[in-house]
Every structure is written in C-alpha cells, then in structure tokens.
C-alpha cells in the first residue's frame, strides 16, 4: 500500500486528542518512509514521520503545536481498511509522550 499524495481528515478521536474533523493530513511516501504535514482545528502546525510495513500498517511518531501554544508529541500505530468506494480508512491507537501521557484511539479517512 502506498500513501503518497493522499489526503486524510479526522473522522473521530478520543476526547483527550487534539485533532478534529477540521484537521487535514497530507501524506507523502517514498519507499517505506512516510511523512505528513497536518493542521486545522486546534492544530496550528504538525508533522509526522513513520514506517509503512508490507500490509500498509504504519508505525509513526508525531509532533505539533496546538492553539494553546503547547508543543505536543506522541507515537501512533495505524491499521488500514479499504472502504467500498476505494478510499482508505486508518484505525489509530496513539499515546502522548508529552502532557498527561494518556492514550487514545482515532480514525482518519481519505478525502478525494
């Protein structure tokens, strides 16, 4: 699976997460290396970097600045699902490595 030039939007998130339906992610992939910039909602600016395995699973690290002026960091494991219309949905389990160090789950979906 290749995520290059795909756009995603947050479909849902745990209450302790910073992303929302206003947050958009622009993915770039070269080989198995994935990068993304993201922003929107309470996210002023964010970046992620990760590795994609042969099944399309992503192991990533992320950091962003939120609208409160906090620098937030964490890690996330994403599992892909192909929707009936061909778009990709990513099921994510994440954990903050800053702030309260809590964990959560989110789902992002490809936008065409």
PDB file of N, CA and C in Angstrom:
ATOM      1  N   UNK A   1       0.852  -1.172   0.000  1.00  0.00           N
ATOM      2  CA  UNK A   1       0.000   0.000   0.000  1.00  0.00           C
ATOM      3  C   UNK A   1       0.897   1.235   0.000  1.00  0.00           C
ATOM      4  N   UNK A   2       0.498   2.215  -0.787  1.00  0.00           N
ATOM      5  CA  UNK A   2       1.268   3.443  -0.865  1.00  0.00           C
ATOM      6  C   UNK A   2       0.360   4.626  -0.531  1.00  0.00           C
ATOM      7  N   UNK A   3       0.824   5.462   0.379  1.00  0.00           N
ATOM      8  CA  UNK A   3       0.041   6.607   0.849  1.00  0.00           C
ATOM      9  C   UNK A   3       0.442   7.912   0.178  1.00  0.00           C
ATOM     10  N   UNK A   4       1.331   7.852  -0.817  1.00  0.00           N
ATOM     11  CA  UNK A   4       1.865   9.072  -1.409  1.00  0.00           C
ATOM     12  C   UNK A   4       0.764   9.943  -2.016  1.00  0.00           C
ATOM     13  N   UNK A   5       0.792  11.232  -1.660  1.00  0.00           N
ATOM     14  CA  UNK A   5      -0.140  12.262  -2.138  1.00  0.00           C
ATOM     15  C   UNK A   5      -1.590  12.023  -1.749  1.00  0.00           C
ATOM     16  N   UNK A   6      -1.816  11.252  -0.711  1.00  0.00           N
ATOM     17  CA  UNK A   6      -3.189  11.052  -0.224  1.00  0.00           C
ATOM     18  C   UNK A   6      -3.495  12.061   0.879  1.00  0.00           C
ATOM     19  N   UNK A   7      -4.733  12.510   0.890  1.00  0.00           N
ATOM     20  CA  UNK A   7      -5.205  13.463   1.895  1.00  0.00           C
ATOM     21  C   UNK A   7      -6.183  12.758   2.815  1.00  0.00           C
ATOM     22  N   UNK A   8      -6.057  13.017   4.116  1.00  0.00           N
ATOM     23  CA  UNK A   8      -6.918  12.405   5.117  1.00  0.00           C
ATOM     24  C   UNK A   8      -7.500  13.482   6.022  1.00  0.00           C
ATOM     25  N   UNK A   9      -8.663  13.172   6.583  1.00  0.00           N
ATOM     26  CA  UNK A   9      -9.306  14.050   7.564  1.00  0.00           C
ATOM     27  C   UNK A   9      -9.737  13.191   8.744  1.00  0.00           C
ATOM     28  N   UNK A  10      -9.638  13.773   9.924  1.00  0.00           N
ATOM     29  CA  UNK A  10     -10.019  13.078  11.148  1.00  0.00           C
ATOM     30  C   UNK A  10     -11.518  12.796  11.129  1.00  0.00           C
ATOM     31  N   UNK A  11     -11.896  11.520  11.294  1.00  0.00           N
ATOM     32  CA  UNK A  11     -13.311  11.142  11.336  1.00  0.00           C
ATOM     33  C   UNK A  11     -13.821  11.068  12.773  1.00  0.00           C
ATOM     34  N   UNK A  12     -12.953  10.648  13.705  1.00  0.00           N
ATOM     35  CA  UNK A  12     -13.303  10.666  15.131  1.00  0.00           C
ATOM     36  C   UNK A  12     -12.028  10.496  15.943  1.00  0.00           C
ATOM     37  N   UNK A  13     -12.112  10.901  17.206  1.00  0.00           N
ATOM     38  CA  UNK A  13     -10.942  10.873  18.071  1.00  0.00           C
ATOM     39  C   UNK A  13     -11.399  10.772  19.525  1.00  0.00           C
ATOM     40  N   UNK A  14     -10.528  10.228  20.361  1.00  0.00           N
ATOM     41  CA  UNK A  14     -10.780  10.217  21.805  1.00  0.00           C
ATOM     42  C   UNK A  14     -10.818  11.658  22.321  1.00  0.00           C
ATOM     43  N   UNK A  15     -11.512  11.876  23.425  1.00  0.00           N
ATOM     44  CA  UNK A  15     -11.653  13.218  23.980  1.00  0.00           C
ATOM     45  C   UNK A  15     -10.330  13.871  24.352  1.00  0.00           C
ATOM     46  N   UNK A  16      -9.296  13.079  24.652  1.00  0.00           N
ATOM     47  CA  UNK A  16      -8.010  13.636  25.053  1.00  0.00           C
ATOM     48  C   UNK A  16      -7.094  13.918  23.870  1.00  0.00           C
ATOM     49  N   UNK A  17      -7.593  13.775  22.650  1.00  0.00           N
ATOM     50  CA  UNK A  17      -6.807  14.065  21.445  1.00  0.00           C
ATOM     51  C   UNK A  17      -6.970  15.510  21.011  1.00  0.00           C
ATOM     52  N   UNK A  18      -6.032  15.997  20.213  1.00  0.00           N
ATOM     53  CA  UNK A  18      -6.073  17.377  19.718  1.00  0.00           C
ATOM     54  C   UNK A  18      -6.706  17.501  18.341  1.00  0.00           C
ATOM     55  N   UNK A  19      -6.742  16.420  17.557  1.00  0.00           N
ATOM     56  CA  UNK A  19      -7.273  16.535  16.199  1.00  0.00           C
ATOM     57  C   UNK A  19      -8.799  16.502  16.207  1.00  0.00           C
ATOM     58  N   UNK A  20      -9.372  17.023  15.125  1.00  0.00           N
ATOM     59  CA  UNK A  20     -10.828  17.073  14.963  1.00  0.00           C
ATOM     60  C   UNK A  20     -11.156  16.924  13.485  1.00  0.00           C
ATOM     61  N   UNK A  21     -12.427  17.012  13.145  1.00  0.00           N
ATOM     62  CA  UNK A  21     -12.845  16.905  11.741  1.00  0.00           C
ATOM     63  C   UNK A  21     -12.291  18.050  10.895  1.00  0.00           C
ATOM     64  N   UNK A  22     -11.770  19.087  11.535  1.00  0.00           N
ATOM     65  CA  UNK A  22     -11.155  20.208  10.815  1.00  0.00           C
ATOM     66  C   UNK A  22      -9.673  19.964  10.527  1.00  0.00           C
ATOM     67  N   UNK A  23      -9.117  18.875  11.058  1.00  0.00           N
ATOM     68  CA  UNK A  23      -7.697  18.585  10.886  1.00  0.00           C
ATOM     69  C   UNK A  23      -7.483  17.777   9.612  1.00  0.00           C
ATOM     70  N   UNK A  24      -6.606  18.257   8.735  1.00  0.00           N
ATOM     71  CA  UNK A  24      -6.293  17.583   7.479  1.00  0.00           C
ATOM     72  C   UNK A  24      -4.822  17.159   7.474  1.00  0.00           C
ATOM     73  N   UNK A  25      -4.576  15.968   6.937  1.00  0.00           N
ATOM     74  CA  UNK A  25      -3.239  15.379   6.856  1.00  0.00           C
ATOM     75  C   UNK A  25      -2.885  15.179   5.384  1.00  0.00           C
ATOM     76  N   UNK A  26      -1.713  15.623   4.964  1.00  0.00           N
ATOM     77  CA  UNK A  26      -1.231  15.404   3.597  1.00  0.00           C
ATOM     78  C   UNK A  26      -0.048  14.459   3.672  1.00  0.00           C
ATOM     79  N   UNK A  27      -0.249  13.230   3.197  1.00  0.00           N
ATOM     80  CA  UNK A  27       0.770  12.181   3.300  1.00  0.00           C
ATOM     81  C   UNK A  27       1.665  12.160   2.069  1.00  0.00           C
ATOM     82  N   UNK A  28       2.938  11.900   2.289  1.00  0.00           N
ATOM     83  CA  UNK A  28       3.939  11.664   1.241  1.00  0.00           C
ATOM     84  C   UNK A  28       4.662  10.379   1.622  1.00  0.00           C
ATOM     85  N   UNK A  29       4.940   9.542   0.635  1.00  0.00           N
ATOM     86  CA  UNK A  29       5.643   8.293   0.913  1.00  0.00           C
ATOM     87  C   UNK A  29       6.677   8.034  -0.159  1.00  0.00           C
ATOM     88  N   UNK A  30       7.875   7.647   0.280  1.00  0.00           N
ATOM     89  CA  UNK A  30       8.941   7.213  -0.616  1.00  0.00           C
ATOM     90  C   UNK A  30       9.504   5.921  -0.054  1.00  0.00           C
ATOM     91  N   UNK A  31       9.384   4.832  -0.815  1.00  0.00           N
ATOM     92  CA  UNK A  31       9.749   3.524  -0.277  1.00  0.00           C
ATOM     93  C   UNK A  31       8.809   3.208   0.872  1.00  0.00           C
ATOM     94  N   UNK A  32       9.365   2.826   2.019  1.00  0.00           N
ATOM     95  CA  UNK A  32       8.506   2.562   3.182  1.00  0.00           C
ATOM     96  C   UNK A  32       8.508   3.720   4.178  1.00  0.00           C
ATOM     97  N   UNK A  33       9.092   4.862   3.781  1.00  0.00           N
ATOM     98  CA  UNK A  33       9.154   6.033   4.664  1.00  0.00           C
ATOM     99  C   UNK A  33       7.976   6.963   4.371  1.00  0.00           C
ATOM    100  N   UNK A  34       7.236   7.278   5.418  1.00  0.00           N
ATOM    101  CA  UNK A  34       6.051   8.131   5.324  1.00  0.00           C
ATOM    102  C   UNK A  34       6.296   9.421   6.090  1.00  0.00           C
ATOM    103  N   UNK A  35       5.900  10.538   5.498  1.00  0.00           N
ATOM    104  CA  UNK A  35       5.904  11.819   6.202  1.00  0.00           C
ATOM    105  C   UNK A  35       4.561  12.491   5.963  1.00  0.00           C
ATOM    106  N   UNK A  36       4.202  13.397   6.847  1.00  0.00           N
ATOM    107  CA  UNK A  36       2.964  14.145   6.661  1.00  0.00           C
ATOM    108  C   UNK A  36       3.070  15.493   7.357  1.00  0.00           C
ATOM    109  N   UNK A  37       2.413  16.473   6.765  1.00  0.00           N
ATOM    110  CA  UNK A  37       2.161  17.727   7.468  1.00  0.00           C
ATOM    111  C   UNK A  37       0.671  17.739   7.772  1.00  0.00           C
ATOM    112  N   UNK A  38       0.292  18.329   8.890  1.00  0.00           N
ATOM    113  CA  UNK A  38      -1.123  18.395   9.230  1.00  0.00           C
ATOM    114  C   UNK A  38      -1.420  19.679   9.993  1.00  0.00           C
ATOM    115  N   UNK A  39      -2.656  20.137   9.863  1.00  0.00           N
ATOM    116  CA  UNK A  39      -3.105  21.348  10.552  1.00  0.00           C
ATOM    117  C   UNK A  39      -4.625  21.412  10.464  1.00  0.00           C
ATOM    118  N   UNK A  40      -5.184  22.337  11.213  1.00  0.00           N
ATOM    119  CA  UNK A  40      -6.623  22.556  11.197  1.00  0.00           C
ATOM    120  C   UNK A  40      -7.245  22.301  12.550  1.00  0.00           C
ATOM    121  N   UNK A  41      -8.335  22.989  12.837  1.00  0.00           N
ATOM    122  CA  UNK A  41      -8.952  22.893  14.160  1.00  0.00           C
ATOM    123  C   UNK A  41      -8.001  23.461  15.194  1.00  0.00           C
ATOM    124  N   UNK A  42      -7.725  22.710  16.245  1.00  0.00           N
ATOM    125  CA  UNK A  42      -6.827  23.201  17.295  1.00  0.00           C
ATOM    126  C   UNK A  42      -5.354  22.944  16.989  1.00  0.00           C
ATOM    127  N   UNK A  43      -5.044  22.390  15.809  1.00  0.00           N
ATOM    128  CA  UNK A  43      -3.661  22.135  15.413  1.00  0.00           C
ATOM    129  C   UNK A  43      -3.174  23.294  14.554  1.00  0.00           C
ATOM    130  N   UNK A  44      -2.190  24.031  15.053  1.00  0.00           N
ATOM    131  CA  UNK A  44      -1.604  25.133  14.289  1.00  0.00           C
ATOM    132  C   UNK A  44      -0.684  24.574  13.209  1.00  0.00           C
ATOM    133  N   UNK A  45       0.207  23.672  13.587  1.00  0.00           N
ATOM    134  CA  UNK A  45       1.132  23.060  12.641  1.00  0.00           C
ATOM    135  C   UNK A  45       1.636  21.751  13.214  1.00  0.00           C
ATOM    136  N   UNK A  46       1.649  20.701  12.380  1.00  0.00           N
ATOM    137  CA  UNK A  46       2.119  19.409  12.846  1.00  0.00           C
ATOM    138  C   UNK A  46       2.831  18.631  11.761  1.00  0.00           C
ATOM    139  N   UNK A  47       3.664  17.690  12.192  1.00  0.00           N
ATOM    140  CA  UNK A  47       4.405  16.811  11.295  1.00  0.00           C
ATOM    141  C   UNK A  47       4.411  15.405  11.872  1.00  0.00           C
ATOM    142  N   UNK A  48       4.454  14.435  10.998  1.00  0.00           N
ATOM    143  CA  UNK A  48       4.652  13.058  11.456  1.00  0.00           C
ATOM    144  C   UNK A  48       5.637  12.379  10.528  1.00  0.00           C
ATOM    145  N   UNK A  49       6.297  11.360  11.056  1.00  0.00           N
ATOM    146  CA  UNK A  49       7.205  10.530  10.290  1.00  0.00           C
ATOM    147  C   UNK A  49       6.969   9.096  10.709  1.00  0.00           C
ATOM    148  N   UNK A  50       6.984   8.192   9.737  1.00  0.00           N
ATOM    149  CA  UNK A  50       6.697   6.807  10.081  1.00  0.00           C
ATOM    150  C   UNK A  50       7.231   5.831   9.057  1.00  0.00           C
ATOM    151  N   UNK A  51       7.073   4.561   9.393  1.00  0.00           N
ATOM    152  CA  UNK A  51       7.443   3.461   8.517  1.00  0.00           C
ATOM    153  C   UNK A  51       6.190   2.655   8.187  1.00  0.00           C
ATOM    154  N   UNK A  52       6.065   2.290   6.913  1.00  0.00           N
ATOM    155  CA  UNK A  52       4.924   1.517   6.426  1.00  0.00           C
ATOM    156  C   UNK A  52       5.399   0.084   6.177  1.00  0.00           C
ATOM    157  N   UNK A  53       4.677  -0.896   6.748  1.00  0.00           N
ATOM    158  CA  UNK A  53       5.064  -2.289   6.512  1.00  0.00           C
ATOM    159  C   UNK A  53       4.367  -2.838   5.262  1.00  0.00           C
ATOM    160  N   UNK A  54       4.619  -4.087   4.933  1.00  0.00           N
ATOM    161  CA  UNK A  54       4.098  -4.687   3.704  1.00  0.00           C
ATOM    162  C   UNK A  54       2.572  -4.798   3.681  1.00  0.00           C
ATOM    163  N   UNK A  55       1.916  -4.709   4.834  1.00  0.00           N
ATOM    164  CA  UNK A  55       0.451  -4.746   4.907  1.00  0.00           C
ATOM    165  C   UNK A  55      -0.180  -3.362   4.973  1.00  0.00           C
ATOM    166  N   UNK A  56       0.640  -2.308   4.909  1.00  0.00           N
ATOM    167  CA  UNK A  56       0.130  -0.945   4.971  1.00  0.00           C
ATOM    168  C   UNK A  56      -0.005  -0.392   6.369  1.00  0.00           C
ATOM    169  N   UNK A  57       0.390  -1.171   7.390  1.00  0.00           N
ATOM    170  CA  UNK A  57       0.367  -0.668   8.767  1.00  0.00           C
ATOM    171  C   UNK A  57       1.454   0.394   8.927  1.00  0.00           C
ATOM    172  N   UNK A  58       1.166   1.397   9.728  1.00  0.00           N
ATOM    173  CA  UNK A  58       2.103   2.498   9.918  1.00  0.00           C
ATOM    174  C   UNK A  58       2.508   2.573  11.382  1.00  0.00           C
ATOM    175  N   UNK A  59       3.813   2.685  11.613  1.00  0.00           N
ATOM    176  CA  UNK A  59       4.378   2.953  12.938  1.00  0.00           C
ATOM    177  C   UNK A  59       4.955   4.350  12.850  1.00  0.00           C
ATOM    178  N   UNK A  60       4.367   5.301  13.575  1.00  0.00           N
ATOM    179  CA  UNK A  60       4.758   6.705  13.398  1.00  0.00           C
ATOM    180  C   UNK A  60       5.014   7.434  14.716  1.00  0.00           C
ATOM    181  N   UNK A  61       5.710   8.530  14.583  1.00  0.00           N
ATOM    182  CA  UNK A  61       5.916   9.499  15.662  1.00  0.00           C
ATOM    183  C   UNK A  61       5.400  10.840  15.147  1.00  0.00           C
ATOM    184  N   UNK A  62       4.818  11.629  16.042  1.00  0.00           N
ATOM    185  CA  UNK A  62       4.255  12.909  15.611  1.00  0.00           C
ATOM    186  C   UNK A  62       4.575  14.011  16.611  1.00  0.00           C
ATOM    187  N   UNK A  63       4.525  15.234  16.115  1.00  0.00           N
ATOM    188  CA  UNK A  63       4.636  16.411  16.989  1.00  0.00           C
ATOM    189  C   UNK A  63       3.843  17.543  16.345  1.00  0.00           C
ATOM    190  N   UNK A  64       3.255  18.367  17.192  1.00  0.00           N
ATOM    191  CA  UNK A  64       2.531  19.522  16.684  1.00  0.00           C
ATOM    192  C   UNK A  64       2.454  20.615  17.748  1.00  0.00           C
ATOM    193  N   UNK A  65       2.072  21.800  17.281  1.00  0.00           N
ATOM    194  CA  UNK A  65       1.779  22.925  18.172  1.00  0.00           C
ATOM    195  C   UNK A  65       0.282  23.140  18.113  1.00  0.00           C
ATOM    196  N   UNK A  66      -0.355  23.172  19.283  1.00  0.00           N
ATOM    197  CA  UNK A  66      -1.809  23.366  19.301  1.00  0.00           C
ATOM    198  C   UNK A  66      -2.145  24.839  19.550  1.00  0.00           C
ATOM    199  N   UNK A  67      -3.422  25.161  19.495  1.00  0.00           N
ATOM    200  CA  UNK A  67      -3.862  26.552  19.619  1.00  0.00           C
ATOM    201  C   UNK A  67      -3.627  27.132  21.010  1.00  0.00           C
ATOM    202  N   UNK A  68      -3.329  26.286  22.005  1.00  0.00           N
ATOM    203  CA  UNK A  68      -2.951  26.772  23.341  1.00  0.00           C
ATOM    204  C   UNK A  68      -1.472  27.126  23.409  1.00  0.00           C
ATOM    205  N   UNK A  69      -0.736  26.878  22.320  1.00  0.00           N
ATOM    206  CA  UNK A  69       0.694  27.159  22.290  1.00  0.00           C
ATOM    207  C   UNK A  69       1.545  26.048  22.871  1.00  0.00           C
ATOM    208  N   UNK A  70       0.961  24.863  23.068  1.00  0.00           N
ATOM    209  CA  UNK A  70       1.699  23.721  23.605  1.00  0.00           C
ATOM    210  C   UNK A  70       2.342  22.933  22.472  1.00  0.00           C
ATOM    211  N   UNK A  71       3.574  22.467  22.692  1.00  0.00           N
ATOM    212  CA  UNK A  71       4.210  21.521  21.780  1.00  0.00           C
ATOM    213  C   UNK A  71       3.861  20.133  22.288  1.00  0.00           C
ATOM    214  N   UNK A  72       3.180  19.356  21.461  1.00  0.00           N
ATOM    215  CA  UNK A  72       2.712  18.027  21.835  1.00  0.00           C
ATOM    216  C   UNK A  72       3.429  16.976  20.982  1.00  0.00           C
ATOM    217  N   UNK A  73       3.773  15.842  21.606  1.00  0.00           N
ATOM    218  CA  UNK A  73       4.470  14.765  20.916  1.00  0.00           C
ATOM    219  C   UNK A  73       3.834  13.428  21.270  1.00  0.00           C
ATOM    220  N   UNK A  74       4.022  12.453  20.394  1.00  0.00           N
ATOM    221  CA  UNK A  74       3.496  11.134  20.690  1.00  0.00           C
ATOM    222  C   UNK A  74       3.854  10.120  19.631  1.00  0.00           C
ATOM    223  N   UNK A  75       3.339   8.908  19.820  1.00  0.00           N
ATOM    224  CA  UNK A  75       3.520   7.846  18.834  1.00  0.00           C
ATOM    225  C   UNK A  75       2.176   7.217  18.528  1.00  0.00           C
ATOM    226  N   UNK A  76       2.095   6.581  17.360  1.00  0.00           N
ATOM    227  CA  UNK A  76       0.826   6.054  16.877  1.00  0.00           C
ATOM    228  C   UNK A  76       1.077   4.836  16.003  1.00  0.00           C
ATOM    229  N   UNK A  77       0.172   3.866  16.108  1.00  0.00           N
ATOM    230  CA  UNK A  77       0.157   2.706  15.210  1.00  0.00           C
ATOM    231  C   UNK A  77      -1.164   2.767  14.448  1.00  0.00           C
ATOM    232  N   UNK A  78      -1.075   2.734  13.120  1.00  0.00           N
ATOM    233  CA  UNK A  78      -2.262   2.837  12.269  1.00  0.00           C
ATOM    234  C   UNK A  78      -2.441   1.570  11.448  1.00  0.00           C
ATOM    235  N   UNK A  79      -3.688   1.114  11.362  1.00  0.00           N
ATOM    236  CA  UNK A  79      -4.037  -0.077  10.591  1.00  0.00           C
ATOM    237  C   UNK A  79      -5.026   0.329   9.506  1.00  0.00           C
ATOM    238  N   UNK A  80      -4.728   0.015   8.228  1.00  0.00           N
ATOM    239  CA  UNK A  80      -5.610   0.450   7.144  1.00  0.00           C
ATOM    240  C   UNK A  80      -6.819  -0.455   6.938  1.00  0.00           C
ATOM    241  N   UNK A  81      -7.863   0.160   6.443  1.00  0.00           N
ATOM    242  CA  UNK A  81      -9.072  -0.537   5.979  1.00  0.00           C
ATOM    243  C   UNK A  81      -9.429   0.094   4.638  1.00  0.00           C
ATOM    244  N   UNK A  82      -9.689  -0.730   3.627  1.00  0.00           N
ATOM    245  CA  UNK A  82     -10.111  -0.213   2.329  1.00  0.00           C
ATOM    246  C   UNK A  82     -11.633  -0.161   2.324  1.00  0.00           C
ATOM    247  N   UNK A  83     -12.181   1.024   2.103  1.00  0.00           N
ATOM    248  CA  UNK A  83     -13.632   1.212   2.077  1.00  0.00           C
ATOM    249  C   UNK A  83     -14.205   0.762   0.738  1.00  0.00           C
ATOM    250  N   UNK A  84     -15.512   0.558   0.691  1.00  0.00           N
ATOM    251  CA  UNK A  84     -16.176   0.087  -0.528  1.00  0.00           C
ATOM    252  C   UNK A  84     -15.916   0.994  -1.722  1.00  0.00           C
ATOM    253  N   UNK A  85     -15.767   2.293  -1.473  1.00  0.00           N
ATOM    254  CA  UNK A  85     -15.530   3.239  -2.570  1.00  0.00           C
ATOM    255  C   UNK A  85     -14.044   3.368  -2.921  1.00  0.00           C
ATOM    256  N   UNK A  86     -13.177   2.545  -2.301  1.00  0.00           N
ATOM    257  CA  UNK A  86     -11.753   2.545  -2.618  1.00  0.00           C
ATOM    258  C   UNK A  86     -10.898   3.444  -1.754  1.00  0.00           C
ATOM    259  N   UNK A  87     -11.541   4.295  -0.960  1.00  0.00           N
ATOM    260  CA  UNK A  87     -10.776   5.162  -0.064  1.00  0.00           C
ATOM    261  C   UNK A  87     -10.187   4.350   1.083  1.00  0.00           C
ATOM    262  N   UNK A  88      -9.192   4.945   1.730  1.00  0.00           N
ATOM    263  CA  UNK A  88      -8.536   4.296   2.862  1.00  0.00           C
ATOM    264  C   UNK A  88      -9.027   4.918   4.172  1.00  0.00           C
ATOM    265  N   UNK A  89      -9.338   4.067   5.115  1.00  0.00           N
ATOM    266  CA  UNK A  89      -9.632   4.496   6.494  1.00  0.00           C
ATOM    267  C   UNK A  89      -8.504   3.935   7.359  1.00  0.00           C
ATOM    268  N   UNK A  90      -7.939   4.766   8.226  1.00  0.00           N
ATOM    269  CA  UNK A  90      -6.881   4.330   9.135  1.00  0.00           C
ATOM    270  C   UNK A  90      -7.408   4.299  10.562  1.00  0.00           C
ATOM    271  N   UNK A  91      -7.291   3.146  11.184  1.00  0.00           N
ATOM    272  CA  UNK A  91      -7.657   2.965  12.589  1.00  0.00           C
ATOM    273  C   UNK A  91      -6.385   3.152  13.401  1.00  0.00           C
ATOM    274  N   UNK A  92      -6.406   4.117  14.323  1.00  0.00           N
ATOM    275  CA  UNK A  92      -5.180   4.526  15.010  1.00  0.00           C
ATOM    276  C   UNK A  92      -5.275   4.329  16.519  1.00  0.00           C
ATOM    277  N   UNK A  93      -4.189   3.841  17.075  1.00  0.00           N
ATOM    278  CA  UNK A  93      -4.015   3.779  18.525  1.00  0.00           C
ATOM    279  C   UNK A  93      -2.779   4.600  18.834  1.00  0.00           C
ATOM    280  N   UNK A  94      -2.942   5.613  19.685  1.00  0.00           N
ATOM    281  CA  UNK A  94      -1.865   6.556  19.921  1.00  0.00           C
ATOM    282  C   UNK A  94      -1.642   6.800  21.409  1.00  0.00           C
ATOM    283  N   UNK A  95      -0.495   7.395  21.706  1.00  0.00           N
ATOM    284  CA  UNK A  95      -0.142   7.740  23.090  1.00  0.00           C
ATOM    285  C   UNK A  95       0.686   9.013  23.072  1.00  0.00           C
ATOM    286  N   UNK A  96       0.318   9.918  23.955  1.00  0.00           N
ATOM    287  CA  UNK A  96       1.112  11.139  24.132  1.00  0.00           C
ATOM    288  C   UNK A  96       2.425  10.788  24.828  1.00  0.00           C
ATOM    289  N   UNK A  97       3.512  11.422  24.389  1.00  0.00           N
ATOM    290  CA  UNK A  97       4.784  11.344  25.117  1.00  0.00           C
ATOM    291  C   UNK A  97       5.075  12.683  25.777  1.00  0.00           C
ATOM    292  N   UNK A  98       4.101  13.572  25.728  1.00  0.00           N
ATOM    293  CA  UNK A  98       4.155  14.870  26.402  1.00  0.00           C
ATOM    294  C   UNK A  98       2.836  15.055  27.147  1.00  0.00           C
ATOM    295  N   UNK A  99       2.707  16.151  27.855  1.00  0.00           N
ATOM    296  CA  UNK A  99       1.459  16.414  28.572  1.00  0.00           C
ATOM    297  C   UNK A  99       1.154  15.318  29.578  1.00  0.00           C
ATOM    298  N   UNK A 100      -0.085  14.844  29.578  1.00  0.00           N
ATOM    299  CA  UNK A 100      -0.501  13.853  30.580  1.00  0.00           C
ATOM    300  C   UNK A 100      -0.110  12.415  30.215  1.00  0.00           C
ATOM    301  N   UNK A 101       0.493  12.226  29.055  1.00  0.00           N
ATOM    302  CA  UNK A 101       0.961  10.917  28.581  1.00  0.00           C
ATOM    303  C   UNK A 101      -0.156   9.876  28.500  1.00  0.00           C
ATOM    304  N   UNK A 102      -1.369  10.350  28.278  1.00  0.00           N
ATOM    305  CA  UNK A 102      -2.508   9.440  28.128  1.00  0.00           C
ATOM    306  C   UNK A 102      -2.509   8.832  26.723  1.00  0.00           C
ATOM    307  N   UNK A 103      -3.410   7.903  26.493  1.00  0.00           N
ATOM    308  CA  UNK A 103      -3.512   7.261  25.194  1.00  0.00           C
ATOM    309  C   UNK A 103      -4.941   7.374  24.681  1.00  0.00           C
ATOM    310  N   UNK A 104      -5.130   7.042  23.404  1.00  0.00           N
ATOM    311  CA  UNK A 104      -6.457   7.118  22.820  1.00  0.00           C
ATOM    312  C   UNK A 104      -6.520   6.410  21.491  1.00  0.00           C
ATOM    313  N   UNK A 105      -7.687   6.527  20.865  1.00  0.00           N
ATOM    314  CA  UNK A 105      -7.927   5.926  19.551  1.00  0.00           C
ATOM    315  C   UNK A 105      -8.568   6.971  18.653  1.00  0.00           C
ATOM    316  N   UNK A 106      -8.236   6.899  17.384  1.00  0.00           N
ATOM    317  CA  UNK A 106      -8.835   7.789  16.409  1.00  0.00           C
ATOM    318  C   UNK A 106      -8.991   7.063  15.084  1.00  0.00           C
ATOM    319  N   UNK A 107      -9.755   7.676  14.196  1.00  0.00           N
ATOM    320  CA  UNK A 107      -9.942   7.170  12.850  1.00  0.00           C
ATOM    321  C   UNK A 107      -9.806   8.344  11.910  1.00  0.00           C
ATOM    322  N   UNK A 108      -8.992   8.165  10.865  1.00  0.00           N
ATOM    323  CA  UNK A 108      -8.937   9.176   9.816  1.00  0.00           C
ATOM    324  C   UNK A 108      -9.325   8.516   8.500  1.00  0.00           C
ATOM    325  N   UNK A 109      -9.947   9.316   7.602  1.00  0.00           N
ATOM    326  CA  UNK A 109     -10.413   8.781   6.334  1.00  0.00           C
ATOM    327  C   UNK A 109      -9.888   9.623   5.193  1.00  0.00           C
ATOM    328  N   UNK A 110      -9.558   8.927   4.109  1.00  0.00           N
ATOM    329  CA  UNK A 110      -9.071   9.608   2.924  1.00  0.00           C
ATOM    330  C   UNK A 110     -10.163  10.503   2.339  1.00  0.00           C
ATOM    331  N   UNK A 111      -9.761  11.683   1.897  1.00  0.00           N
ATOM    332  CA  UNK A 111     -10.665  12.591   1.195  1.00  0.00           C
ATOM    333  C   UNK A 111     -10.181  12.687  -0.263  1.00  0.00           C
ATOM    334  N   UNK A 112     -11.115  12.647  -1.174  1.00  0.00           N
ATOM    335  CA  UNK A 112     -10.756  12.669  -2.603  1.00  0.00           C
ATOM    336  C   UNK A 112     -10.919  14.049  -3.174  1.00  0.00           C
TER     337      UNK A 112
END
